[in-house]
């Protein structure tokens, strides 16, 4: 919800209450996360499926299998760290970007 304007805007020449709109820069961050999340989920699902198959003795029973299972475990860990880094980067940017901006102003953005 936009901020509540209980009093008129002291900077407005006619003393009217401030109207707000959702910041388009913040919306871009939301859209980025909504684009990245399904891709990361797809990667995680594919890797988890391969990991489960590699752990199964029905798929293979070779001495090299354990090495592949360990490698896939490492990939899963790295993918989890990458996912966390993407979320953190977007969240850090969002923390410095106001969600609502006055209609009369241009949208400020973080790190400009």
PDB file of N, CA and C in Angstrom:
ATOM      1  N   UNK A   1       0.841  -1.181   0.000  1.00  0.00           N
ATOM      2  CA  UNK A   1       0.000   0.000   0.000  1.00  0.00           C
ATOM      3  C   UNK A   1       0.885   1.243   0.000  1.00  0.00           C
ATOM      4  N   UNK A   2       0.471   2.267  -0.706  1.00  0.00           N
ATOM      5  CA  UNK A   2       1.258   3.502  -0.707  1.00  0.00           C
ATOM      6  C   UNK A   2       1.221   4.182   0.653  1.00  0.00           C
ATOM      7  N   UNK A   3       2.210   5.041   0.918  1.00  0.00           N
ATOM      8  CA  UNK A   3       2.202   5.767   2.191  1.00  0.00           C
ATOM      9  C   UNK A   3       0.943   6.609   2.322  1.00  0.00           C
ATOM     10  N   UNK A   4       0.483   6.773   3.546  1.00  0.00           N
ATOM     11  CA  UNK A   4      -0.706   7.566   3.814  1.00  0.00           C
ATOM     12  C   UNK A   4      -0.274   9.015   3.943  1.00  0.00           C
ATOM     13  N   UNK A   5      -0.931   9.893   3.201  1.00  0.00           N
ATOM     14  CA  UNK A   5      -0.651  11.323   3.275  1.00  0.00           C
ATOM     15  C   UNK A   5      -1.659  11.959   4.220  1.00  0.00           C
ATOM     16  N   UNK A   6      -1.297  12.055   5.487  1.00  0.00           N
ATOM     17  CA  UNK A   6      -2.202  12.619   6.478  1.00  0.00           C
ATOM     18  C   UNK A   6      -2.272  14.133   6.383  1.00  0.00           C
ATOM     19  N   UNK A   7      -1.186  14.729   5.946  1.00  0.00           N
ATOM     20  CA  UNK A   7      -1.184  16.188   5.847  1.00  0.00           C
ATOM     21  C   UNK A   7      -0.798  16.601   4.438  1.00  0.00           C
ATOM     22  N   UNK A   8      -1.148  17.797   4.054  1.00  0.00           N
ATOM     23  CA  UNK A   8      -0.772  18.268   2.723  1.00  0.00           C
ATOM     24  C   UNK A   8       0.751  18.325   2.572  1.00  0.00           C
ATOM     25  N   UNK A   9       1.206  18.214   1.347  1.00  0.00           N
ATOM     26  CA  UNK A   9       2.632  18.267   1.041  1.00  0.00           C
ATOM     27  C   UNK A   9       3.130  19.693   1.241  1.00  0.00           C
ATOM     28  N   UNK A  10       4.076  19.910   2.174  1.00  0.00           N
ATOM     29  CA  UNK A  10       4.548  21.279   2.415  1.00  0.00           C
ATOM     30  C   UNK A  10       5.328  21.849   1.227  1.00  0.00           C
ATOM     31  N   UNK A  11       5.801  21.002   0.339  1.00  0.00           N
ATOM     32  CA  UNK A  11       6.573  21.454  -0.805  1.00  0.00           C
ATOM     33  C   UNK A  11       5.706  21.694  -2.040  1.00  0.00           C
ATOM     34  N   UNK A  12       4.469  21.297  -1.953  1.00  0.00           N
ATOM     35  CA  UNK A  12       3.550  21.504  -3.072  1.00  0.00           C
ATOM     36  C   UNK A  12       3.103  22.959  -3.084  1.00  0.00           C
ATOM     37  N   UNK A  13       3.115  23.612  -4.256  1.00  0.00           N
ATOM     38  CA  UNK A  13       2.728  25.027  -4.296  1.00  0.00           C
ATOM     39  C   UNK A  13       1.282  25.274  -3.872  1.00  0.00           C
ATOM     40  N   UNK A  14       0.419  24.310  -4.100  1.00  0.00           N
ATOM     41  CA  UNK A  14      -0.982  24.521  -3.744  1.00  0.00           C
ATOM     42  C   UNK A  14      -1.377  23.786  -2.472  1.00  0.00           C
ATOM     43  N   UNK A  15      -0.425  23.144  -1.778  1.00  0.00           N
ATOM     44  CA  UNK A  15      -0.685  22.486  -0.501  1.00  0.00           C
ATOM     45  C   UNK A  15      -1.540  21.243  -0.582  1.00  0.00           C
ATOM     46  N   UNK A  16      -1.589  20.563  -1.735  1.00  0.00           N
ATOM     47  CA  UNK A  16      -2.387  19.352  -1.881  1.00  0.00           C
ATOM     48  C   UNK A  16      -1.647  18.155  -1.293  1.00  0.00           C
ATOM     49  N   UNK A  17      -2.411  17.121  -0.977  1.00  0.00           N
ATOM     50  CA  UNK A  17      -1.824  15.881  -0.477  1.00  0.00           C
ATOM     51  C   UNK A  17      -1.032  15.214  -1.595  1.00  0.00           C
ATOM     52  N   UNK A  18       0.011  14.505  -1.220  1.00  0.00           N
ATOM     53  CA  UNK A  18       0.872  13.841  -2.192  1.00  0.00           C
ATOM     54  C   UNK A  18       0.214  12.569  -2.705  1.00  0.00           C
ATOM     55  N   UNK A  19       0.228  12.354  -4.019  1.00  0.00           N
ATOM     56  CA  UNK A  19      -0.215  11.073  -4.572  1.00  0.00           C
ATOM     57  C   UNK A  19       1.026  10.236  -4.867  1.00  0.00           C
ATOM     58  N   UNK A  20       0.847   8.928  -4.751  1.00  0.00           N
ATOM     59  CA  UNK A  20       1.971   8.004  -4.873  1.00  0.00           C
ATOM     60  C   UNK A  20       1.731   7.030  -6.012  1.00  0.00           C
ATOM     61  N   UNK A  21       2.815   6.508  -6.565  1.00  0.00           N
ATOM     62  CA  UNK A  21       2.754   5.428  -7.543  1.00  0.00           C
ATOM     63  C   UNK A  21       3.857   4.433  -7.220  1.00  0.00           C
ATOM     64  N   UNK A  22       3.646   3.199  -7.646  1.00  0.00           N
ATOM     65  CA  UNK A  22       4.644   2.162  -7.392  1.00  0.00           C
ATOM     66  C   UNK A  22       5.884   2.482  -8.208  1.00  0.00           C
ATOM     67  N   UNK A  23       7.033   2.425  -7.579  1.00  0.00           N
ATOM     68  CA  UNK A  23       8.297   2.784  -8.219  1.00  0.00           C
ATOM     69  C   UNK A  23       8.637   1.791  -9.334  1.00  0.00           C
ATOM     70  N   UNK A  24       8.797   2.249 -10.568  1.00  0.00           N
ATOM     71  CA  UNK A  24       9.116   1.333 -11.663  1.00  0.00           C
ATOM     72  C   UNK A  24      10.479   0.670 -11.501  1.00  0.00           C
ATOM     73  N   UNK A  25      11.401   1.327 -10.826  1.00  0.00           N
ATOM     74  CA  UNK A  25      12.714   0.713 -10.584  1.00  0.00           C
ATOM     75  C   UNK A  25      12.586  -0.475  -9.634  1.00  0.00           C
ATOM     76  N   UNK A  26      11.717  -0.355  -8.636  1.00  0.00           N
ATOM     77  CA  UNK A  26      11.478  -1.462  -7.720  1.00  0.00           C
ATOM     78  C   UNK A  26      10.760  -2.597  -8.454  1.00  0.00           C
ATOM     79  N   UNK A  27       9.819  -2.241  -9.325  1.00  0.00           N
ATOM     80  CA  UNK A  27       9.091  -3.254 -10.100  1.00  0.00           C
ATOM     81  C   UNK A  27      10.057  -4.058 -10.965  1.00  0.00           C
ATOM     82  N   UNK A  28      11.084  -3.418 -11.509  1.00  0.00           N
ATOM     83  CA  UNK A  28      12.092  -4.128 -12.309  1.00  0.00           C
ATOM     84  C   UNK A  28      12.784  -5.199 -11.482  1.00  0.00           C
ATOM     85  N   UNK A  29      13.078  -4.888 -10.215  1.00  0.00           N
ATOM     86  CA  UNK A  29      13.722  -5.869  -9.336  1.00  0.00           C
ATOM     87  C   UNK A  29      12.793  -7.053  -9.065  1.00  0.00           C
ATOM     88  N   UNK A  30      11.513  -6.755  -8.860  1.00  0.00           N
ATOM     89  CA  UNK A  30      10.532  -7.829  -8.646  1.00  0.00           C
ATOM     90  C   UNK A  30      10.456  -8.701  -9.901  1.00  0.00           C
ATOM     91  N   UNK A  31      10.407  -8.060 -11.066  1.00  0.00           N
ATOM     92  CA  UNK A  31      10.339  -8.806 -12.328  1.00  0.00           C
ATOM     93  C   UNK A  31      11.586  -9.658 -12.541  1.00  0.00           C
ATOM     94  N   UNK A  32      12.757  -9.126 -12.187  1.00  0.00           N
ATOM     95  CA  UNK A  32      14.002  -9.897 -12.327  1.00  0.00           C
ATOM     96  C   UNK A  32      13.951 -11.171 -11.489  1.00  0.00           C
ATOM     97  N   UNK A  33      13.492 -11.040 -10.256  1.00  0.00           N
ATOM     98  CA  UNK A  33      13.420 -12.221  -9.401  1.00  0.00           C
ATOM     99  C   UNK A  33      12.408 -13.226  -9.951  1.00  0.00           C
ATOM    100  N   UNK A  34      11.279 -12.729 -10.454  1.00  0.00           N
ATOM    101  CA  UNK A  34      10.272 -13.636 -10.999  1.00  0.00           C
ATOM    102  C   UNK A  34      10.763 -14.315 -12.275  1.00  0.00           C
ATOM    103  N   UNK A  35      11.697 -13.713 -12.989  1.00  0.00           N
ATOM    104  CA  UNK A  35      12.286 -14.354 -14.163  1.00  0.00           C
ATOM    105  C   UNK A  35      13.361 -15.356 -13.756  1.00  0.00           C
ATOM    106  N   UNK A  36      14.158 -15.007 -12.747  1.00  0.00           N
ATOM    107  CA  UNK A  36      15.274 -15.862 -12.336  1.00  0.00           C
ATOM    108  C   UNK A  36      14.807 -17.085 -11.561  1.00  0.00           C
ATOM    109  N   UNK A  37      13.787 -16.946 -10.758  1.00  0.00           N
ATOM    110  CA  UNK A  37      13.352 -18.038  -9.888  1.00  0.00           C
ATOM    111  C   UNK A  37      12.967 -19.307 -10.650  1.00  0.00           C
ATOM    112  N   UNK A  38      12.136 -19.253 -11.702  1.00  0.00           N
ATOM    113  CA  UNK A  38      11.804 -20.498 -12.406  1.00  0.00           C
ATOM    114  C   UNK A  38      13.022 -21.149 -13.073  1.00  0.00           C
ATOM    115  N   UNK A  39      13.939 -20.337 -13.564  1.00  0.00           N
ATOM    116  CA  UNK A  39      15.152 -20.895 -14.170  1.00  0.00           C
ATOM    117  C   UNK A  39      16.000 -21.621 -13.124  1.00  0.00           C
ATOM    118  N   UNK A  40      16.153 -21.005 -11.965  1.00  0.00           N
ATOM    119  CA  UNK A  40      16.919 -21.643 -10.891  1.00  0.00           C
ATOM    120  C   UNK A  40      16.207 -22.894 -10.384  1.00  0.00           C
ATOM    121  N   UNK A  41      14.880 -22.842 -10.312  1.00  0.00           N
ATOM    122  CA  UNK A  41      14.111 -24.026  -9.889  1.00  0.00           C
ATOM    123  C   UNK A  41      14.295 -25.167 -10.890  1.00  0.00           C
ATOM    124  N   UNK A  42      14.297 -24.833 -12.186  1.00  0.00           N
ATOM    125  CA  UNK A  42      14.501 -25.853 -13.214  1.00  0.00           C
ATOM    126  C   UNK A  42      15.872 -26.493 -13.112  1.00  0.00           C
ATOM    127  N   UNK A  43      16.899 -25.668 -12.891  1.00  0.00           N
ATOM    128  CA  UNK A  43      18.247 -26.201 -12.721  1.00  0.00           C
ATOM    129  C   UNK A  43      18.339 -27.092 -11.489  1.00  0.00           C
ATOM    130  N   UNK A  44      17.741 -26.632 -10.410  1.00  0.00           N
ATOM    131  CA  UNK A  44      17.774 -27.410  -9.168  1.00  0.00           C
ATOM    132  C   UNK A  44      17.048 -28.745  -9.350  1.00  0.00           C
ATOM    133  N   UNK A  45      15.895 -28.712  -9.993  1.00  0.00           N
ATOM    134  CA  UNK A  45      15.144 -29.949 -10.225  1.00  0.00           C
ATOM    135  C   UNK A  45      15.907 -30.931 -11.097  1.00  0.00           C
ATOM    136  N   UNK A  46      16.525 -30.442 -12.157  1.00  0.00           N
ATOM    137  CA  UNK A  46      17.302 -31.318 -13.048  1.00  0.00           C
ATOM    138  C   UNK A  46      18.489 -31.927 -12.321  1.00  0.00           C
ATOM    139  N   UNK A  47      19.173 -31.113 -11.551  1.00  0.00           N
ATOM    140  CA  UNK A  47      20.341 -31.604 -10.822  1.00  0.00           C
ATOM    141  C   UNK A  47      19.936 -32.581  -9.722  1.00  0.00           C
ATOM    142  N   UNK A  48      18.839 -32.308  -9.046  1.00  0.00           N
ATOM    143  CA  UNK A  48      18.360 -33.230  -8.010  1.00  0.00           C
ATOM    144  C   UNK A  48      17.978 -34.577  -8.603  1.00  0.00           C
ATOM    145  N   UNK A  49      17.346 -34.548  -9.774  1.00  0.00           N
ATOM    146  CA  UNK A  49      16.961 -35.804 -10.429  1.00  0.00           C
ATOM    147  C   UNK A  49      18.202 -36.623 -10.798  1.00  0.00           C
ATOM    148  N   UNK A  50      19.195 -35.950 -11.376  1.00  0.00           N
ATOM    149  CA  UNK A  50      20.435 -36.645 -11.741  1.00  0.00           C
ATOM    150  C   UNK A  50      21.159 -37.156 -10.496  1.00  0.00           C
ATOM    151  N   UNK A  51      21.127 -36.381  -9.432  1.00  0.00           N
ATOM    152  CA  UNK A  51      21.779 -36.779  -8.181  1.00  0.00           C
ATOM    153  C   UNK A  51      21.121 -38.029  -7.604  1.00  0.00           C
ATOM    154  N   UNK A  52      19.785 -38.062  -7.598  1.00  0.00           N
ATOM    155  CA  UNK A  52      19.066 -39.231  -7.088  1.00  0.00           C
ATOM    156  C   UNK A  52      19.349 -40.465  -7.942  1.00  0.00           C
ATOM    157  N   UNK A  53      19.411 -40.266  -9.252  1.00  0.00           N
ATOM    158  CA  UNK A  53      19.716 -41.395 -10.132  1.00  0.00           C
ATOM    159  C   UNK A  53      21.147 -41.892  -9.905  1.00  0.00           C
ATOM    160  N   UNK A  54      22.075 -40.985  -9.706  1.00  0.00           N
ATOM    161  CA  UNK A  54      23.465 -41.378  -9.490  1.00  0.00           C
ATOM    162  C   UNK A  54      23.631 -42.128  -8.172  1.00  0.00           C
ATOM    163  N   UNK A  55      22.828 -41.794  -7.189  1.00  0.00           N
ATOM    164  CA  UNK A  55      22.915 -42.472  -5.896  1.00  0.00           C
ATOM    165  C   UNK A  55      22.280 -43.860  -5.932  1.00  0.00           C
ATOM    166  N   UNK A  56      21.410 -44.094  -6.897  1.00  0.00           N
ATOM    167  CA  UNK A  56      20.710 -45.369  -6.979  1.00  0.00           C
ATOM    168  C   UNK A  56      21.641 -46.459  -7.515  1.00  0.00           C
ATOM    169  N   UNK A  57      21.656 -47.579  -6.854  1.00  0.00           N
ATOM    170  CA  UNK A  57      22.462 -48.718  -7.315  1.00  0.00           C
ATOM    171  C   UNK A  57      21.800 -49.411  -8.509  1.00  0.00           C
ATOM    172  N   UNK A  58      20.525 -49.066  -8.761  1.00  0.00           N
ATOM    173  CA  UNK A  58      19.845 -49.622  -9.925  1.00  0.00           C
ATOM    174  C   UNK A  58      20.395 -49.036 -11.212  1.00  0.00           C
ATOM    175  N   UNK A  59      20.918 -47.823 -11.152  1.00  0.00           N
ATOM    176  CA  UNK A  59      21.434 -47.151 -12.343  1.00  0.00           C
ATOM    177  C   UNK A  59      22.820 -47.677 -12.674  1.00  0.00           C
ATOM    178  N   UNK A  60      23.681 -47.695 -11.676  1.00  0.00           N
ATOM    179  CA  UNK A  60      25.017 -48.249 -11.910  1.00  0.00           C
ATOM    180  C   UNK A  60      25.622 -48.718 -10.609  1.00  0.00           C
ATOM    181  N   UNK A  61      26.508 -49.644 -10.716  1.00  0.00           N
ATOM    182  CA  UNK A  61      27.212 -50.163  -9.557  1.00  0.00           C
ATOM    183  C   UNK A  61      28.677 -50.270  -9.942  1.00  0.00           C
ATOM    184  N   UNK A  62      29.295 -49.124 -10.049  1.00  0.00           N
ATOM    185  CA  UNK A  62      30.699 -49.088 -10.443  1.00  0.00           C
ATOM    186  C   UNK A  62      31.476 -48.279  -9.410  1.00  0.00           C
ATOM    187  N   UNK A  63      32.772 -48.568  -9.293  1.00  0.00           N
ATOM    188  CA  UNK A  63      33.579 -47.815  -8.324  1.00  0.00           C
ATOM    189  C   UNK A  63      33.599 -46.302  -8.610  1.00  0.00           C
ATOM    190  N   UNK A  64      33.443 -45.927  -9.859  1.00  0.00           N
ATOM    191  CA  UNK A  64      33.493 -44.508 -10.211  1.00  0.00           C
ATOM    192  C   UNK A  64      32.204 -43.780  -9.819  1.00  0.00           C
ATOM    193  N   UNK A  65      31.137 -44.507  -9.509  1.00  0.00           N
ATOM    194  CA  UNK A  65      29.844 -43.902  -9.202  1.00  0.00           C
ATOM    195  C   UNK A  65      29.931 -42.956  -8.008  1.00  0.00           C
ATOM    196  N   UNK A  66      30.685 -43.333  -6.989  1.00  0.00           N
ATOM    197  CA  UNK A  66      30.785 -42.488  -5.792  1.00  0.00           C
ATOM    198  C   UNK A  66      31.397 -41.126  -6.115  1.00  0.00           C
ATOM    199  N   UNK A  67      32.361 -41.126  -7.026  1.00  0.00           N
ATOM    200  CA  UNK A  67      32.980 -39.854  -7.414  1.00  0.00           C
ATOM    201  C   UNK A  67      31.955 -38.950  -8.090  1.00  0.00           C
ATOM    202  N   UNK A  68      31.118 -39.516  -8.961  1.00  0.00           N
ATOM    203  CA  UNK A  68      30.078 -38.728  -9.625  1.00  0.00           C
ATOM    204  C   UNK A  68      29.058 -38.200  -8.624  1.00  0.00           C
ATOM    205  N   UNK A  69      28.707 -39.010  -7.648  1.00  0.00           N
ATOM    206  CA  UNK A  69      27.767 -38.585  -6.619  1.00  0.00           C
ATOM    207  C   UNK A  69      28.366 -37.417  -5.830  1.00  0.00           C
ATOM    208  N   UNK A  70      29.647 -37.506  -5.486  1.00  0.00           N
ATOM    209  CA  UNK A  70      30.301 -36.407  -4.765  1.00  0.00           C
ATOM    210  C   UNK A  70      30.346 -35.136  -5.623  1.00  0.00           C
ATOM    211  N   UNK A  71      30.669 -35.299  -6.912  1.00  0.00           N
ATOM    212  CA  UNK A  71      30.706 -34.138  -7.812  1.00  0.00           C
ATOM    213  C   UNK A  71      29.330 -33.479  -7.902  1.00  0.00           C
ATOM    214  N   UNK A  72      28.298 -34.269  -8.038  1.00  0.00           N
ATOM    215  CA  UNK A  72      26.948 -33.715  -8.127  1.00  0.00           C
ATOM    216  C   UNK A  72      26.539 -33.053  -6.816  1.00  0.00           C
ATOM    217  N   UNK A  73      26.969 -33.603  -5.715  1.00  0.00           N
ATOM    218  CA  UNK A  73      26.703 -32.974  -4.420  1.00  0.00           C
ATOM    219  C   UNK A  73      27.347 -31.592  -4.347  1.00  0.00           C
ATOM    220  N   UNK A  74      28.574 -31.492  -4.864  1.00  0.00           N
ATOM    221  CA  UNK A  74      29.256 -30.197  -4.908  1.00  0.00           C
ATOM    222  C   UNK A  74      28.522 -29.225  -5.834  1.00  0.00           C
ATOM    223  N   UNK A  75      28.049 -29.708  -6.957  1.00  0.00           N
ATOM    224  CA  UNK A  75      27.295 -28.855  -7.894  1.00  0.00           C
ATOM    225  C   UNK A  75      26.013 -28.342  -7.237  1.00  0.00           C
ATOM    226  N   UNK A  76      25.353 -29.218  -6.492  1.00  0.00           N
ATOM    227  CA  UNK A  76      24.139 -28.806  -5.792  1.00  0.00           C
ATOM    228  C   UNK A  76      24.447 -27.711  -4.770  1.00  0.00           C
ATOM    229  N   UNK A  77      25.553 -27.863  -4.061  1.00  0.00           N
ATOM    230  CA  UNK A  77      25.964 -26.856  -3.083  1.00  0.00           C
ATOM    231  C   UNK A  77      26.254 -25.531  -3.776  1.00  0.00           C
ATOM    232  N   UNK A  78      26.987 -25.586  -4.885  1.00  0.00           N
ATOM    233  CA  UNK A  78      27.324 -24.355  -5.610  1.00  0.00           C
ATOM    234  C   UNK A  78      26.080 -23.697  -6.199  1.00  0.00           C
ATOM    235  N   UNK A  79      25.158 -24.492  -6.701  1.00  0.00           N
ATOM    236  CA  UNK A  79      23.918 -23.930  -7.232  1.00  0.00           C
ATOM    237  C   UNK A  79      23.121 -23.247  -6.119  1.00  0.00           C
ATOM    238  N   UNK A  80      23.106 -23.846  -4.948  1.00  0.00           N
ATOM    239  CA  UNK A  80      22.439 -23.234  -3.798  1.00  0.00           C
ATOM    240  C   UNK A  80      23.085 -21.910  -3.412  1.00  0.00           C
ATOM    241  N   UNK A  81      24.419 -21.862  -3.444  1.00  0.00           N
ATOM    242  CA  UNK A  81      25.122 -20.612  -3.135  1.00  0.00           C
ATOM    243  C   UNK A  81      24.858 -19.566  -4.210  1.00  0.00           C
ATOM    244  N   UNK A  82      24.802 -19.988  -5.473  1.00  0.00           N
ATOM    245  CA  UNK A  82      24.508 -19.056  -6.564  1.00  0.00           C
ATOM    246  C   UNK A  82      23.100 -18.488  -6.418  1.00  0.00           C
ATOM    247  N   UNK A  83      22.169 -19.358  -6.105  1.00  0.00           N
ATOM    248  CA  UNK A  83      20.783 -18.919  -5.904  1.00  0.00           C
ATOM    249  C   UNK A  83      20.717 -17.892  -4.784  1.00  0.00           C
ATOM    250  N   UNK A  84      21.419 -18.160  -3.687  1.00  0.00           N
ATOM    251  CA  UNK A  84      21.442 -17.236  -2.556  1.00  0.00           C
ATOM    252  C   UNK A  84      22.088 -15.907  -2.950  1.00  0.00           C
ATOM    253  N   UNK A  85      23.143 -15.963  -3.761  1.00  0.00           N
ATOM    254  CA  UNK A  85      23.810 -14.733  -4.208  1.00  0.00           C
ATOM    255  C   UNK A  85      22.887 -13.890  -5.083  1.00  0.00           C
ATOM    256  N   UNK A  86      22.132 -14.539  -5.966  1.00  0.00           N
ATOM    257  CA  UNK A  86      21.195 -13.802  -6.823  1.00  0.00           C
ATOM    258  C   UNK A  86      20.121 -13.143  -5.966  1.00  0.00           C
ATOM    259  N   UNK A  87      19.547 -13.891  -5.045  1.00  0.00           N
ATOM    260  CA  UNK A  87      18.515 -13.344  -4.170  1.00  0.00           C
ATOM    261  C   UNK A  87      19.068 -12.202  -3.321  1.00  0.00           C
ATOM    262  N   UNK A  88      20.277 -12.364  -2.801  1.00  0.00           N
ATOM    263  CA  UNK A  88      20.887 -11.320  -1.978  1.00  0.00           C
ATOM    264  C   UNK A  88      21.146 -10.059  -2.785  1.00  0.00           C
ATOM    265  N   UNK A  89      21.646 -10.209  -4.005  1.00  0.00           N
ATOM    266  CA  UNK A  89      21.905  -9.040  -4.850  1.00  0.00           C
ATOM    267  C   UNK A  89      20.620  -8.271  -5.141  1.00  0.00           C
ATOM    268  N   UNK A  90      19.569  -8.993  -5.472  1.00  0.00           N
ATOM    269  CA  UNK A  90      18.289  -8.341  -5.751  1.00  0.00           C
ATOM    270  C   UNK A  90      17.730  -7.714  -4.476  1.00  0.00           C
ATOM    271  N   UNK A  91      17.835  -8.406  -3.351  1.00  0.00           N
ATOM    272  CA  UNK A  91      17.322  -7.880  -2.090  1.00  0.00           C
ATOM    273  C   UNK A  91      18.090  -6.647  -1.637  1.00  0.00           C
ATOM    274  N   UNK A  92      19.414  -6.660  -1.806  1.00  0.00           N
ATOM    275  CA  UNK A  92      20.212  -5.491  -1.435  1.00  0.00           C
ATOM    276  C   UNK A  92      19.843  -4.284  -2.273  1.00  0.00           C
ATOM    277  N   UNK A  93      19.649  -4.500  -3.555  1.00  0.00           N
ATOM    278  CA  UNK A  93      19.241  -3.405  -4.436  1.00  0.00           C
ATOM    279  C   UNK A  93      17.848  -2.914  -4.041  1.00  0.00           C
ATOM    280  N   UNK A  94      16.950  -3.833  -3.725  1.00  0.00           N
ATOM    281  CA  UNK A  94      15.585  -3.455  -3.345  1.00  0.00           C
ATOM    282  C   UNK A  94      15.565  -2.696  -2.020  1.00  0.00           C
ATOM    283  N   UNK A  95      16.475  -3.027  -1.113  1.00  0.00           N
ATOM    284  CA  UNK A  95      16.509  -2.341   0.173  1.00  0.00           C
ATOM    285  C   UNK A  95      16.828  -0.861   0.016  1.00  0.00           C
ATOM    286  N   UNK A  96      17.596  -0.520  -1.010  1.00  0.00           N
ATOM    287  CA  UNK A  96      17.978   0.870  -1.245  1.00  0.00           C
ATOM    288  C   UNK A  96      17.065   1.588  -2.225  1.00  0.00           C
ATOM    289  N   UNK A  97      16.016   0.913  -2.681  1.00  0.00           N
ATOM    290  CA  UNK A  97      15.102   1.496  -3.665  1.00  0.00           C
ATOM    291  C   UNK A  97      13.731   1.671  -3.020  1.00  0.00           C
ATOM    292  N   UNK A  98      13.198   2.892  -3.004  1.00  0.00           N
ATOM    293  CA  UNK A  98      11.872   3.078  -2.399  1.00  0.00           C
ATOM    294  C   UNK A  98      10.793   2.374  -3.217  1.00  0.00           C
ATOM    295  N   UNK A  99       9.827   1.798  -2.526  1.00  0.00           N
ATOM    296  CA  UNK A  99       8.733   1.108  -3.222  1.00  0.00           C
ATOM    297  C   UNK A  99       7.752   2.086  -3.836  1.00  0.00           C
ATOM    298  N   UNK A 100       7.544   3.202  -3.179  1.00  0.00           N
ATOM    299  CA  UNK A 100       6.568   4.186  -3.635  1.00  0.00           C
ATOM    300  C   UNK A 100       7.257   5.524  -3.838  1.00  0.00           C
ATOM    301  N   UNK A 101       6.901   6.216  -4.891  1.00  0.00           N
ATOM    302  CA  UNK A 101       7.454   7.541  -5.166  1.00  0.00           C
ATOM    303  C   UNK A 101       6.300   8.505  -5.431  1.00  0.00           C
ATOM    304  N   UNK A 102       6.489   9.766  -5.084  1.00  0.00           N
ATOM    305  CA  UNK A 102       5.447  10.746  -5.387  1.00  0.00           C
ATOM    306  C   UNK A 102       5.235  10.828  -6.894  1.00  0.00           C
ATOM    307  N   UNK A 103       4.018  11.009  -7.316  1.00  0.00           N
ATOM    308  CA  UNK A 103       3.678  11.048  -8.735  1.00  0.00           C
ATOM    309  C   UNK A 103       4.421  12.165  -9.446  1.00  0.00           C
ATOM    310  N   UNK A 104       4.617  13.292  -8.778  1.00  0.00           N
ATOM    311  CA  UNK A 104       5.238  14.433  -9.434  1.00  0.00           C
ATOM    312  C   UNK A 104       6.747  14.304  -9.595  1.00  0.00           C
ATOM    313  N   UNK A 105       7.368  13.346  -8.905  1.00  0.00           N
ATOM    314  CA  UNK A 105       8.824  13.229  -8.986  1.00  0.00           C
ATOM    315  C   UNK A 105       9.224  12.134  -9.953  1.00  0.00           C
ATOM    316  N   UNK A 106      10.472  12.184 -10.392  1.00  0.00           N
ATOM    317  CA  UNK A 106      10.989  11.083 -11.207  1.00  0.00           C
ATOM    318  C   UNK A 106      11.406   9.983 -10.243  1.00  0.00           C
ATOM    319  N   UNK A 107      11.379   8.743 -10.706  1.00  0.00           N
ATOM    320  CA  UNK A 107      11.678   7.604  -9.832  1.00  0.00           C
ATOM    321  C   UNK A 107      13.166   7.561  -9.523  1.00  0.00           C
ATOM    322  N   UNK A 108      13.544   7.681  -8.253  1.00  0.00           N
ATOM    323  CA  UNK A 108      14.960   7.543  -7.915  1.00  0.00           C
ATOM    324  C   UNK A 108      15.344   6.074  -7.941  1.00  0.00           C
ATOM    325  N   UNK A 109      16.595   5.793  -8.182  1.00  0.00           N
ATOM    326  CA  UNK A 109      17.030   4.415  -8.094  1.00  0.00           C
ATOM    327  C   UNK A 109      18.342   4.340  -7.352  1.00  0.00           C
ATOM    328  N   UNK A 110      18.532   3.216  -6.724  1.00  0.00           N
ATOM    329  CA  UNK A 110      19.712   3.012  -5.895  1.00  0.00           C
ATOM    330  C   UNK A 110      20.956   2.978  -6.755  1.00  0.00           C
ATOM    331  N   UNK A 111      22.052   3.391  -6.172  1.00  0.00           N
ATOM    332  CA  UNK A 111      23.367   3.348  -6.802  1.00  0.00           C
ATOM    333  C   UNK A 111      23.424   4.155  -8.098  1.00  0.00           C
ATOM    334  N   UNK A 112      22.716   5.255  -8.153  1.00  0.00           N
ATOM    335  CA  UNK A 112      22.741   6.052  -9.387  1.00  0.00           C
ATOM    336  C   UNK A 112      23.861   7.073  -9.344  1.00  0.00           C
TER     337      UNK A 112
END
